[in-house]
Amino acid sequence: ASHVMLRGRHPYEFVPEIRKKQKQTVANTKSLLITEAARVQTEAQKLHYLETIGKDAEYEFVAKRDEKTSKICRH
């Protein structure tokens, strides 16, 4: 996920490499890569807020559950 952030590359570029290492389907690999890229982006944004506003900064994380939400994320 750090390569995606640092180099501005789309997570799907890493599908073949990660798929071989993890022995997963293309769909599972894409899901993992998108989820991890989002996690890293969210953490970077949070750190930026804390550095800019200070440790007393407040933020709210909002997520939407819909028919596209995976079974794992629904629980």
PDB file of N, CA and C in Angstrom:
ATOM      1  N   ALA A   1       0.825  -1.204   0.000  1.00  0.00           N
ATOM      2  CA  ALA A   1       0.000   0.000   0.000  1.00  0.00           C
ATOM      3  C   ALA A   1       0.860   1.255   0.000  1.00  0.00           C
ATOM      4  N   SER A   2       2.041   1.180   0.591  1.00  0.00           N
ATOM      5  CA  SER A   2       2.889   2.375   0.608  1.00  0.00           C
ATOM      6  C   SER A   2       3.353   2.739  -0.797  1.00  0.00           C
ATOM      7  N   HIS A   3       3.558   1.756  -1.675  1.00  0.00           N
ATOM      8  CA  HIS A   3       3.948   2.054  -3.059  1.00  0.00           C
ATOM      9  C   HIS A   3       2.854   2.837  -3.773  1.00  0.00           C
ATOM     10  N   VAL A   4       1.626   2.497  -3.474  1.00  0.00           N
ATOM     11  CA  VAL A   4       0.491   3.194  -4.087  1.00  0.00           C
ATOM     12  C   VAL A   4       0.512   4.653  -3.674  1.00  0.00           C
ATOM     13  N   MET A   5       0.692   4.907  -2.396  1.00  0.00           N
ATOM     14  CA  MET A   5       0.686   6.279  -1.876  1.00  0.00           C
ATOM     15  C   MET A   5       1.901   7.068  -2.357  1.00  0.00           C
ATOM     16  N   LEU A   6       3.064   6.485  -2.221  1.00  0.00           N
ATOM     17  CA  LEU A   6       4.295   7.211  -2.523  1.00  0.00           C
ATOM     18  C   LEU A   6       4.506   7.442  -4.011  1.00  0.00           C
ATOM     19  N   ARG A   7       4.089   6.505  -4.813  1.00  0.00           N
ATOM     20  CA  ARG A   7       4.340   6.595  -6.253  1.00  0.00           C
ATOM     21  C   ARG A   7       3.116   6.994  -7.060  1.00  0.00           C
ATOM     22  N   GLY A   8       1.977   7.093  -6.409  1.00  0.00           N
ATOM     23  CA  GLY A   8       0.757   7.464  -7.115  1.00  0.00           C
ATOM     24  C   GLY A   8       0.281   6.399  -8.087  1.00  0.00           C
ATOM     25  N   ARG A   9       0.571   5.147  -7.784  1.00  0.00           N
ATOM     26  CA  ARG A   9       0.170   4.052  -8.666  1.00  0.00           C
ATOM     27  C   ARG A   9      -1.166   3.476  -8.215  1.00  0.00           C
ATOM     28  N   HIS A  10      -1.941   2.979  -9.165  1.00  0.00           N
ATOM     29  CA  HIS A  10      -3.230   2.371  -8.846  1.00  0.00           C
ATOM     30  C   HIS A  10      -2.991   1.003  -8.211  1.00  0.00           C
ATOM     31  N   PRO A  11      -3.750   0.674  -7.177  1.00  0.00           N
ATOM     32  CA  PRO A  11      -3.563  -0.622  -6.506  1.00  0.00           C
ATOM     33  C   PRO A  11      -3.633  -1.824  -7.438  1.00  0.00           C
ATOM     34  N   TYR A  12      -4.447  -1.749  -8.499  1.00  0.00           N
ATOM     35  CA  TYR A  12      -4.591  -2.891  -9.401  1.00  0.00           C
ATOM     36  C   TYR A  12      -3.287  -3.239 -10.124  1.00  0.00           C
ATOM     37  N   GLU A  13      -2.339  -2.327 -10.181  1.00  0.00           N
ATOM     38  CA  GLU A  13      -1.052  -2.624 -10.822  1.00  0.00           C
ATOM     39  C   GLU A  13      -0.296  -3.725 -10.082  1.00  0.00           C
ATOM     40  N   PHE A  14      -0.637  -3.938  -8.822  1.00  0.00           N
ATOM     41  CA  PHE A  14       0.077  -4.909  -8.006  1.00  0.00           C
ATOM     42  C   PHE A  14      -0.623  -6.267  -7.933  1.00  0.00           C
ATOM     43  N   VAL A  15      -1.748  -6.415  -8.633  1.00  0.00           N
ATOM     44  CA  VAL A  15      -2.528  -7.655  -8.565  1.00  0.00           C
ATOM     45  C   VAL A  15      -1.696  -8.892  -8.912  1.00  0.00           C
ATOM     46  N   PRO A  16      -1.000  -8.939 -10.050  1.00  0.00           N
ATOM     47  CA  PRO A  16      -0.256 -10.169 -10.382  1.00  0.00           C
ATOM     48  C   PRO A  16       0.782 -10.548  -9.320  1.00  0.00           C
ATOM     49  N   GLU A  17       1.510  -9.573  -8.833  1.00  0.00           N
ATOM     50  CA  GLU A  17       2.564  -9.827  -7.842  1.00  0.00           C
ATOM     51  C   GLU A  17       1.981 -10.341  -6.521  1.00  0.00           C
ATOM     52  N   ILE A  18       0.974  -9.658  -6.017  1.00  0.00           N
ATOM     53  CA  ILE A  18       0.365 -10.041  -4.741  1.00  0.00           C
ATOM     54  C   ILE A  18      -0.374 -11.373  -4.875  1.00  0.00           C
ATOM     55  N   ARG A  19      -1.035 -11.565  -5.995  1.00  0.00           N
ATOM     56  CA  ARG A  19      -1.797 -12.803  -6.221  1.00  0.00           C
ATOM     57  C   ARG A  19      -0.881 -14.024  -6.155  1.00  0.00           C
ATOM     58  N   LYS A  20       0.301 -13.920  -6.742  1.00  0.00           N
ATOM     59  CA  LYS A  20       1.255 -15.032  -6.705  1.00  0.00           C
ATOM     60  C   LYS A  20       1.697 -15.321  -5.275  1.00  0.00           C
ATOM     61  N   LYS A  21       2.008 -14.264  -4.534  1.00  0.00           N
ATOM     62  CA  LYS A  21       2.506 -14.438  -3.165  1.00  0.00           C
ATOM     63  C   LYS A  21       1.436 -14.977  -2.225  1.00  0.00           C
ATOM     64  N   GLN A  22       0.210 -14.496  -2.372  1.00  0.00           N
ATOM     65  CA  GLN A  22      -0.864 -14.865  -1.453  1.00  0.00           C
ATOM     66  C   GLN A  22      -1.701 -16.051  -1.930  1.00  0.00           C
ATOM     67  N   LYS A  23      -1.521 -16.440  -3.191  1.00  0.00           N
ATOM     68  CA  LYS A  23      -2.281 -17.547  -3.781  1.00  0.00           C
ATOM     69  C   LYS A  23      -3.786 -17.326  -3.610  1.00  0.00           C
ATOM     70  N   GLN A  24      -4.242 -16.161  -4.074  1.00  0.00           N
ATOM     71  CA  GLN A  24      -5.641 -15.765  -3.971  1.00  0.00           C
ATOM     72  C   GLN A  24      -6.222 -15.522  -5.355  1.00  0.00           C
ATOM     73  N   THR A  25      -7.528 -15.395  -5.412  1.00  0.00           N
ATOM     74  CA  THR A  25      -8.191 -15.072  -6.674  1.00  0.00           C
ATOM     75  C   THR A  25      -7.928 -13.608  -7.021  1.00  0.00           C
ATOM     76  N   VAL A  26      -8.177 -13.257  -8.265  1.00  0.00           N
ATOM     77  CA  VAL A  26      -8.021 -11.868  -8.699  1.00  0.00           C
ATOM     78  C   VAL A  26      -8.966 -10.969  -7.903  1.00  0.00           C
ATOM     79  N   ALA A  27     -10.206 -11.403  -7.724  1.00  0.00           N
ATOM     80  CA  ALA A  27     -11.197 -10.593  -6.998  1.00  0.00           C
ATOM     81  C   ALA A  27     -10.768 -10.347  -5.554  1.00  0.00           C
ATOM     82  N   ASN A  28     -10.303 -11.387  -4.871  1.00  0.00           N
ATOM     83  CA  ASN A  28      -9.845 -11.222  -3.487  1.00  0.00           C
ATOM     84  C   ASN A  28      -8.631 -10.312  -3.413  1.00  0.00           C
ATOM     85  N   THR A  29      -7.738 -10.454  -4.361  1.00  0.00           N
ATOM     86  CA  THR A  29      -6.531  -9.630  -4.384  1.00  0.00           C
ATOM     87  C   THR A  29      -6.880  -8.167  -4.620  1.00  0.00           C
ATOM     88  N   LYS A  30      -7.769  -7.898  -5.566  1.00  0.00           N
ATOM     89  CA  LYS A  30      -8.193  -6.517  -5.825  1.00  0.00           C
ATOM     90  C   LYS A  30      -8.848  -5.918  -4.588  1.00  0.00           C
ATOM     91  N   SER A  31      -9.701  -6.685  -3.947  1.00  0.00           N
ATOM     92  CA  SER A  31     -10.381  -6.219  -2.743  1.00  0.00           C
ATOM     93  C   SER A  31      -9.376  -5.878  -1.648  1.00  0.00           C
ATOM     94  N   LEU A  32      -8.408  -6.745  -1.450  1.00  0.00           N
ATOM     95  CA  LEU A  32      -7.369  -6.513  -0.455  1.00  0.00           C
ATOM     96  C   LEU A  32      -6.586  -5.243  -0.761  1.00  0.00           C
ATOM     97  N   LEU A  33      -6.174  -5.085  -2.005  1.00  0.00           N
ATOM     98  CA  LEU A  33      -5.374  -3.922  -2.382  1.00  0.00           C
ATOM     99  C   LEU A  33      -6.141  -2.613  -2.227  1.00  0.00           C
ATOM    100  N   ILE A  34      -7.387  -2.586  -2.634  1.00  0.00           N
ATOM    101  CA  ILE A  34      -8.194  -1.369  -2.494  1.00  0.00           C
ATOM    102  C   ILE A  34      -8.414  -1.053  -1.016  1.00  0.00           C
ATOM    103  N   THR A  35      -8.718  -2.088  -0.229  1.00  0.00           N
ATOM    104  CA  THR A  35      -8.945  -1.888   1.204  1.00  0.00           C
ATOM    105  C   THR A  35      -7.694  -1.358   1.891  1.00  0.00           C
ATOM    106  N   GLU A  36      -6.549  -1.931   1.585  1.00  0.00           N
ATOM    107  CA  GLU A  36      -5.301  -1.493   2.211  1.00  0.00           C
ATOM    108  C   GLU A  36      -4.901  -0.089   1.766  1.00  0.00           C
ATOM    109  N   ALA A  37      -5.106   0.217   0.497  1.00  0.00           N
ATOM    110  CA  ALA A  37      -4.805   1.573   0.019  1.00  0.00           C
ATOM    111  C   ALA A  37      -5.690   2.589   0.739  1.00  0.00           C
ATOM    112  N   ALA A  38      -6.953   2.258   0.920  1.00  0.00           N
ATOM    113  CA  ALA A  38      -7.875   3.150   1.634  1.00  0.00           C
ATOM    114  C   ALA A  38      -7.459   3.302   3.091  1.00  0.00           C
ATOM    115  N   ARG A  39      -7.024   2.209   3.711  1.00  0.00           N
ATOM    116  CA  ARG A  39      -6.578   2.264   5.105  1.00  0.00           C
ATOM    117  C   ARG A  39      -5.375   3.182   5.257  1.00  0.00           C
ATOM    118  N   VAL A  40      -4.409   3.050   4.365  1.00  0.00           N
ATOM    119  CA  VAL A  40      -3.206   3.880   4.423  1.00  0.00           C
ATOM    120  C   VAL A  40      -3.554   5.346   4.175  1.00  0.00           C
ATOM    121  N   GLN A  41      -4.418   5.609   3.209  1.00  0.00           N
ATOM    122  CA  GLN A  41      -4.832   6.989   2.928  1.00  0.00           C
ATOM    123  C   GLN A  41      -5.549   7.601   4.122  1.00  0.00           C
ATOM    124  N   THR A  42      -6.406   6.829   4.762  1.00  0.00           N
ATOM    125  CA  THR A  42      -7.138   7.315   5.932  1.00  0.00           C
ATOM    126  C   THR A  42      -6.183   7.612   7.080  1.00  0.00           C
ATOM    127  N   GLU A  43      -5.235   6.737   7.307  1.00  0.00           N
ATOM    128  CA  GLU A  43      -4.250   6.947   8.373  1.00  0.00           C
ATOM    129  C   GLU A  43      -3.387   8.168   8.087  1.00  0.00           C
ATOM    130  N   ALA A  44      -2.972   8.346   6.845  1.00  0.00           N
ATOM    131  CA  ALA A  44      -2.174   9.523   6.473  1.00  0.00           C
ATOM    132  C   ALA A  44      -2.970  10.805   6.693  1.00  0.00           C
ATOM    133  N   GLN A  45      -4.234  10.776   6.342  1.00  0.00           N
ATOM    134  CA  GLN A  45      -5.091  11.947   6.541  1.00  0.00           C
ATOM    135  C   GLN A  45      -5.242  12.249   8.030  1.00  0.00           C
ATOM    136  N   LYS A  46      -5.447  11.220   8.829  1.00  0.00           N
ATOM    137  CA  LYS A  46      -5.575  11.398  10.276  1.00  0.00           C
ATOM    138  C   LYS A  46      -4.302  12.010  10.858  1.00  0.00           C
ATOM    139  N   LEU A  47      -3.150  11.489  10.471  1.00  0.00           N
ATOM    140  CA  LEU A  47      -1.881  12.024  10.962  1.00  0.00           C
ATOM    141  C   LEU A  47      -1.693  13.478  10.553  1.00  0.00           C
ATOM    142  N   HIS A  48      -2.101  13.805   9.341  1.00  0.00           N
ATOM    143  CA  HIS A  48      -2.013  15.193   8.876  1.00  0.00           C
ATOM    144  C   HIS A  48      -2.873  16.101   9.752  1.00  0.00           C
ATOM    145  N   TYR A  49      -4.088  15.673  10.043  1.00  0.00           N
ATOM    146  CA  TYR A  49      -4.964  16.472  10.906  1.00  0.00           C
ATOM    147  C   TYR A  49      -4.328  16.677  12.273  1.00  0.00           C
ATOM    148  N   LEU A  50      -3.798  15.609  12.847  1.00  0.00           N
ATOM    149  CA  LEU A  50      -3.195  15.704  14.172  1.00  0.00           C
ATOM    150  C   LEU A  50      -1.978  16.625  14.171  1.00  0.00           C
ATOM    151  N   GLU A  51      -1.167  16.559  13.127  1.00  0.00           N
ATOM    152  CA  GLU A  51       0.012  17.424  13.034  1.00  0.00           C
ATOM    153  C   GLU A  51      -0.369  18.875  12.789  1.00  0.00           C
ATOM    154  N   THR A  52      -1.399  19.095  11.995  1.00  0.00           N
ATOM    155  CA  THR A  52      -1.815  20.447  11.633  1.00  0.00           C
ATOM    156  C   THR A  52      -2.594  21.122  12.760  1.00  0.00           C
ATOM    157  N   ILE A  53      -3.544  20.416  13.335  1.00  0.00           N
ATOM    158  CA  ILE A  53      -4.429  21.002  14.340  1.00  0.00           C
ATOM    159  C   ILE A  53      -3.916  20.753  15.756  1.00  0.00           C
ATOM    160  N   GLY A  54      -3.163  19.699  15.934  1.00  0.00           N
ATOM    161  CA  GLY A  54      -2.646  19.356  17.256  1.00  0.00           C
ATOM    162  C   GLY A  54      -3.288  18.093  17.788  1.00  0.00           C
ATOM    163  N   LYS A  55      -2.755  17.631  18.919  1.00  0.00           N
ATOM    164  CA  LYS A  55      -3.228  16.354  19.460  1.00  0.00           C
ATOM    165  C   LYS A  55      -4.666  16.417  19.965  1.00  0.00           C
ATOM    166  N   ASP A  56      -5.199  17.614  20.142  1.00  0.00           N
ATOM    167  CA  ASP A  56      -6.589  17.765  20.567  1.00  0.00           C
ATOM    168  C   ASP A  56      -7.553  17.800  19.384  1.00  0.00           C
ATOM    169  N   ALA A  57      -7.035  17.557  18.198  1.00  0.00           N
ATOM    170  CA  ALA A  57      -7.862  17.589  16.991  1.00  0.00           C
ATOM    171  C   ALA A  57      -8.967  16.545  17.088  1.00  0.00           C
ATOM    172  N   GLU A  58     -10.093  16.877  16.537  1.00  0.00           N
ATOM    173  CA  GLU A  58     -11.207  15.940  16.482  1.00  0.00           C
ATOM    174  C   GLU A  58     -11.539  15.661  15.026  1.00  0.00           C
ATOM    175  N   TYR A  59     -11.874  14.428  14.741  1.00  0.00           N
ATOM    176  CA  TYR A  59     -12.282  14.048  13.396  1.00  0.00           C
ATOM    177  C   TYR A  59     -13.318  12.947  13.522  1.00  0.00           C
ATOM    178  N   GLU A  60     -14.085  12.777  12.488  1.00  0.00           N
ATOM    179  CA  GLU A  60     -15.114  11.745  12.469  1.00  0.00           C
ATOM    180  C   GLU A  60     -14.923  10.897  11.221  1.00  0.00           C
ATOM    181  N   PHE A  61     -14.860   9.599  11.405  1.00  0.00           N
ATOM    182  CA  PHE A  61     -14.733   8.678  10.285  1.00  0.00           C
ATOM    183  C   PHE A  61     -16.129   8.215   9.906  1.00  0.00           C
ATOM    184  N   VAL A  62     -16.500   8.419   8.669  1.00  0.00           N
ATOM    185  CA  VAL A  62     -17.830   8.046   8.196  1.00  0.00           C
ATOM    186  C   VAL A  62     -17.684   6.972   7.119  1.00  0.00           C
ATOM    187  N   ALA A  63     -18.413   5.888   7.279  1.00  0.00           N
ATOM    188  CA  ALA A  63     -18.388   4.804   6.298  1.00  0.00           C
ATOM    189  C   ALA A  63     -19.821   4.469   5.904  1.00  0.00           C
ATOM    190  N   LYS A  64     -19.986   4.047   4.684  1.00  0.00           N
ATOM    191  CA  LYS A  64     -21.314   3.700   4.182  1.00  0.00           C
ATOM    192  C   LYS A  64     -21.378   2.197   3.920  1.00  0.00           C
ATOM    193  N   ARG A  65     -22.380   1.566   4.485  1.00  0.00           N
ATOM    194  CA  ARG A  65     -22.627   0.149   4.201  1.00  0.00           C
ATOM    195  C   ARG A  65     -23.742   0.062   3.180  1.00  0.00           C
ATOM    196  N   ASP A  66     -23.485  -0.679   2.107  1.00  0.00           N
ATOM    197  CA  ASP A  66     -24.511  -0.879   1.088  1.00  0.00           C
ATOM    198  C   ASP A  66     -24.376  -2.280   0.512  1.00  0.00           C
ATOM    199  N   GLU A  67     -25.029  -2.527  -0.605  1.00  0.00           N
ATOM    200  CA  GLU A  67     -24.994  -3.871  -1.193  1.00  0.00           C
ATOM    201  C   GLU A  67     -23.603  -4.276  -1.683  1.00  0.00           C
ATOM    202  N   LYS A  68     -22.700  -3.313  -1.839  1.00  0.00           N
ATOM    203  CA  LYS A  68     -21.337  -3.616  -2.278  1.00  0.00           C
ATOM    204  C   LYS A  68     -20.413  -3.952  -1.109  1.00  0.00           C
ATOM    205  N   THR A  69     -20.865  -3.696   0.116  1.00  0.00           N
ATOM    206  CA  THR A  69     -20.055  -3.978   1.294  1.00  0.00           C
ATOM    207  C   THR A  69     -19.855  -5.486   1.421  1.00  0.00           C
ATOM    208  N   SER A  70     -18.608  -5.902   1.600  1.00  0.00           N
ATOM    209  CA  SER A  70     -18.316  -7.338   1.682  1.00  0.00           C
ATOM    210  C   SER A  70     -18.901  -7.949   2.955  1.00  0.00           C
ATOM    211  N   LYS A  71     -19.048  -9.259   2.956  1.00  0.00           N
ATOM    212  CA  LYS A  71     -19.574  -9.967   4.129  1.00  0.00           C
ATOM    213  C   LYS A  71     -18.673  -9.744   5.340  1.00  0.00           C
ATOM    214  N   ILE A  72     -17.373  -9.731   5.117  1.00  0.00           N
ATOM    215  CA  ILE A  72     -16.419  -9.528   6.209  1.00  0.00           C
ATOM    216  C   ILE A  72     -16.607  -8.153   6.834  1.00  0.00           C
ATOM    217  N   CYS A  73     -16.765  -7.141   6.008  1.00  0.00           N
ATOM    218  CA  CYS A  73     -16.892  -5.771   6.512  1.00  0.00           C
ATOM    219  C   CYS A  73     -18.254  -5.493   7.139  1.00  0.00           C
ATOM    220  N   ARG A  74     -19.231  -6.307   6.842  1.00  0.00           N
ATOM    221  CA  ARG A  74     -20.568  -6.098   7.419  1.00  0.00           C
ATOM    222  C   ARG A  74     -20.621  -6.487   8.885  1.00  0.00           C
ATOM    223  N   HIS A  75     -19.675  -7.287   9.336  1.00  0.00           N
ATOM    224  CA  HIS A  75     -19.710  -7.772  10.729  1.00  0.00           C
ATOM    225  C   HIS A  75     -18.706  -7.077  11.587  1.00  0.00           C
TER     226      HIS A  75
END
